[in-house]
Amino acid sequence: MLPQKKARQVRIRLNSLFLLKSLNASELMIKLILIIFTACSSLLANAQKYALLDKDLKLPILYTDSISVQQIKQGYFPIEKEKIDSFLANLNYISNLLNERTRSKMGGVLI
């Protein structure tokens, strides 16, 4: 008697979870198609790509789909792959600003 009662409770939970009692065959088919479509679209999605750059910019760039704490501890910092170009352009801009400032200070000292 106990296994039958448990099986009935499981059926009731499944029915309430999937709303199977209130759906007719066409609604059930639509719901099934939507579930399959959602599952397939998540499988076909591309993972976010990251570039791991060494803080000293001496080691080669590592490309990965996920970032671990160990990689951060090793001295890498993550940048989204699509944003590498803008990051390097900003880095060069800052470097040029720092070089111009030191040149102007050095030029003032020499005169």
C-alpha atoms as a PDB file:
ATOM      1  CA  MET A   1       0.000   0.000   0.000  1.00  0.00           C
ATOM      2  CA  LEU A   2       2.847   2.378   0.802  1.00  0.00           C
ATOM      3  CA  PRO A   3       4.585   2.116  -2.610  1.00  0.00           C
ATOM      4  CA  GLN A   4       1.257   2.732  -4.365  1.00  0.00           C
ATOM      5  CA  LYS A   5       0.627   5.830  -2.264  1.00  0.00           C
ATOM      6  CA  LYS A   6       4.113   7.111  -2.999  1.00  0.00           C
ATOM      7  CA  ALA A   7       3.690   6.448  -6.731  1.00  0.00           C
ATOM      8  CA  ARG A   8       0.375   8.345  -6.670  1.00  0.00           C
ATOM      9  CA  GLN A   9       2.048  11.315  -4.953  1.00  0.00           C
ATOM     10  CA  VAL A  10       4.804  11.303  -7.563  1.00  0.00           C
ATOM     11  CA  ARG A  11       2.205  11.243 -10.378  1.00  0.00           C
ATOM     12  CA  ILE A  12       0.324  14.133  -8.779  1.00  0.00           C
ATOM     13  CA  ARG A  13       3.534  16.140  -8.479  1.00  0.00           C
ATOM     14  CA  LEU A  14       4.482  15.427 -12.090  1.00  0.00           C
ATOM     15  CA  ASN A  15       1.001  16.323 -13.280  1.00  0.00           C
ATOM     16  CA  SER A  16       1.044  19.592 -11.382  1.00  0.00           C
ATOM     17  CA  LEU A  17       4.606  20.314 -12.482  1.00  0.00           C
ATOM     18  CA  PHE A  18       3.983  19.817 -16.188  1.00  0.00           C
ATOM     19  CA  LEU A  19       0.278  20.747 -16.091  1.00  0.00           C
ATOM     20  CA  LEU A  20      -0.507  17.563 -17.974  1.00  0.00           C
ATOM     21  CA  LYS A  21      -4.090  17.299 -16.739  1.00  0.00           C
ATOM     22  CA  SER A  22      -5.115  20.686 -18.104  1.00  0.00           C
ATOM     23  CA  LEU A  23      -3.387  20.344 -21.491  1.00  0.00           C
ATOM     24  CA  ASN A  24      -4.860  18.700 -24.554  1.00  0.00           C
ATOM     25  CA  ALA A  25      -2.705  16.885 -27.108  1.00  0.00           C
ATOM     26  CA  SER A  26      -1.875  19.933 -29.262  1.00  0.00           C
ATOM     27  CA  GLU A  27      -0.925  22.073 -26.262  1.00  0.00           C
ATOM     28  CA  LEU A  28       1.206  19.244 -24.938  1.00  0.00           C
ATOM     29  CA  MET A  29       2.953  18.952 -28.314  1.00  0.00           C
ATOM     30  CA  ILE A  30       3.644  22.711 -28.405  1.00  0.00           C
ATOM     31  CA  LYS A  31       5.031  22.603 -24.886  1.00  0.00           C
ATOM     32  CA  LEU A  32       7.246  19.651 -25.796  1.00  0.00           C
ATOM     33  CA  ILE A  33       8.533  21.445 -28.904  1.00  0.00           C
ATOM     34  CA  LEU A  34       9.350  24.552 -26.861  1.00  0.00           C
ATOM     35  CA  ILE A  35      11.253  22.478 -24.300  1.00  0.00           C
ATOM     36  CA  ILE A  36      13.232  20.719 -27.036  1.00  0.00           C
ATOM     37  CA  PHE A  37      13.951  24.032 -28.799  1.00  0.00           C
ATOM     38  CA  THR A  38      15.181  25.624 -25.558  1.00  0.00           C
ATOM     39  CA  ALA A  39      17.421  22.642 -24.800  1.00  0.00           C
ATOM     40  CA  CYS A  40      18.894  22.612 -28.325  1.00  0.00           C
ATOM     41  CA  SER A  41      19.506  26.347 -28.422  1.00  0.00           C
ATOM     42  CA  SER A  42      21.467  26.186 -25.177  1.00  0.00           C
ATOM     43  CA  LEU A  43      23.629  23.410 -26.624  1.00  0.00           C
ATOM     44  CA  LEU A  44      24.391  25.361 -29.792  1.00  0.00           C
ATOM     45  CA  ALA A  45      25.311  28.625 -28.059  1.00  0.00           C
ATOM     46  CA  ASN A  46      28.969  29.642 -28.176  1.00  0.00           C
ATOM     47  CA  ALA A  47      30.823  30.109 -24.943  1.00  0.00           C
ATOM     48  CA  GLN A  48      32.270  33.477 -24.035  1.00  0.00           C
ATOM     49  CA  LYS A  49      35.930  33.598 -25.002  1.00  0.00           C
ATOM     50  CA  TYR A  50      38.423  35.285 -22.719  1.00  0.00           C
ATOM     51  CA  ALA A  51      41.995  36.289 -23.280  1.00  0.00           C
ATOM     52  CA  LEU A  52      44.250  35.933 -20.262  1.00  0.00           C
ATOM     53  CA  LEU A  53      47.040  38.490 -20.281  1.00  0.00           C
ATOM     54  CA  ASP A  54      50.106  38.355 -18.078  1.00  0.00           C
ATOM     55  CA  LYS A  55      50.318  41.364 -15.745  1.00  0.00           C
ATOM     56  CA  ASP A  56      53.871  42.038 -16.932  1.00  0.00           C
ATOM     57  CA  LEU A  57      52.829  41.503 -20.580  1.00  0.00           C
ATOM     58  CA  LYS A  58      55.790  39.157 -21.088  1.00  0.00           C
ATOM     59  CA  LEU A  59      54.002  35.804 -21.433  1.00  0.00           C
ATOM     60  CA  PRO A  60      51.891  34.886 -24.471  1.00  0.00           C
ATOM     61  CA  ILE A  61      48.131  35.477 -24.403  1.00  0.00           C
ATOM     62  CA  LEU A  62      46.057  32.465 -23.337  1.00  0.00           C
ATOM     63  CA  TYR A  63      42.552  32.031 -24.799  1.00  0.00           C
ATOM     64  CA  THR A  64      39.988  30.202 -22.671  1.00  0.00           C
ATOM     65  CA  ASP A  65      36.246  29.720 -22.190  1.00  0.00           C
ATOM     66  CA  SER A  66      36.387  29.942 -18.412  1.00  0.00           C
ATOM     67  CA  ILE A  67      38.568  31.611 -15.832  1.00  0.00           C
ATOM     68  CA  SER A  68      39.889  29.952 -12.694  1.00  0.00           C
ATOM     69  CA  VAL A  69      41.173  31.444  -9.472  1.00  0.00           C
ATOM     70  CA  GLN A  70      44.506  29.714 -10.035  1.00  0.00           C
ATOM     71  CA  GLN A  71      45.018  31.588 -13.314  1.00  0.00           C
ATOM     72  CA  ILE A  72      44.391  34.879 -11.520  1.00  0.00           C
ATOM     73  CA  LYS A  73      46.850  33.897  -8.778  1.00  0.00           C
ATOM     74  CA  GLN A  74      49.460  33.096 -11.451  1.00  0.00           C
ATOM     75  CA  GLY A  75      49.367  36.710 -12.568  1.00  0.00           C
ATOM     76  CA  TYR A  76      46.906  36.637 -15.468  1.00  0.00           C
ATOM     77  CA  PHE A  77      43.992  39.021 -15.811  1.00  0.00           C
ATOM     78  CA  PRO A  78      41.017  38.330 -18.069  1.00  0.00           C
ATOM     79  CA  ILE A  79      39.763  40.428 -20.963  1.00  0.00           C
ATOM     80  CA  GLU A  80      36.920  39.540 -23.288  1.00  0.00           C
ATOM     81  CA  LYS A  81      38.289  38.412 -26.631  1.00  0.00           C
ATOM     82  CA  GLU A  82      36.293  41.024 -28.551  1.00  0.00           C
ATOM     83  CA  LYS A  83      37.734  43.850 -26.429  1.00  0.00           C
ATOM     84  CA  ILE A  84      41.456  43.059 -26.767  1.00  0.00           C
ATOM     85  CA  ASP A  85      41.978  45.631 -29.527  1.00  0.00           C
ATOM     86  CA  SER A  86      40.420  48.489 -27.574  1.00  0.00           C
ATOM     87  CA  PHE A  87      42.313  47.448 -24.433  1.00  0.00           C
ATOM     88  CA  LEU A  88      45.665  47.484 -26.246  1.00  0.00           C
ATOM     89  CA  ALA A  89      44.826  50.821 -27.909  1.00  0.00           C
ATOM     90  CA  ASN A  90      44.034  52.338 -24.507  1.00  0.00           C
ATOM     91  CA  LEU A  91      47.207  50.836 -23.064  1.00  0.00           C
ATOM     92  CA  ASN A  92      49.286  52.398 -25.865  1.00  0.00           C
ATOM     93  CA  TYR A  93      47.540  55.735 -25.345  1.00  0.00           C
ATOM     94  CA  ILE A  94      48.383  55.725 -21.631  1.00  0.00           C
ATOM     95  CA  SER A  95      51.950  54.684 -22.405  1.00  0.00           C
ATOM     96  CA  ASN A  96      52.328  57.578 -24.865  1.00  0.00           C
ATOM     97  CA  LEU A  97      50.945  60.025 -22.303  1.00  0.00           C
ATOM     98  CA  LEU A  98      53.416  58.815 -19.697  1.00  0.00           C
ATOM     99  CA  ASN A  99      56.321  59.042 -22.152  1.00  0.00           C
ATOM    100  CA  GLU A 100      55.380  62.597 -23.188  1.00  0.00           C
ATOM    101  CA  ARG A 101      55.184  63.705 -19.583  1.00  0.00           C
ATOM    102  CA  THR A 102      58.603  62.292 -18.723  1.00  0.00           C
ATOM    103  CA  ARG A 103      60.071  63.901 -21.863  1.00  0.00           C
ATOM    104  CA  SER A 104      58.664  67.287 -20.932  1.00  0.00           C
ATOM    105  CA  LYS A 105      60.066  66.984 -17.408  1.00  0.00           C
ATOM    106  CA  MET A 106      63.426  65.897 -18.754  1.00  0.00           C
ATOM    107  CA  GLY A 107      63.387  68.713 -21.321  1.00  0.00           C
ATOM    108  CA  GLY A 108      62.706  71.265 -18.594  1.00  0.00           C
ATOM    109  CA  VAL A 109      65.599  70.000 -16.507  1.00  0.00           C
ATOM    110  CA  LEU A 110      68.085  70.120 -19.363  1.00  0.00           C
ATOM    111  CA  ILE A 111      67.290  73.721 -20.331  1.00  0.00           C
END
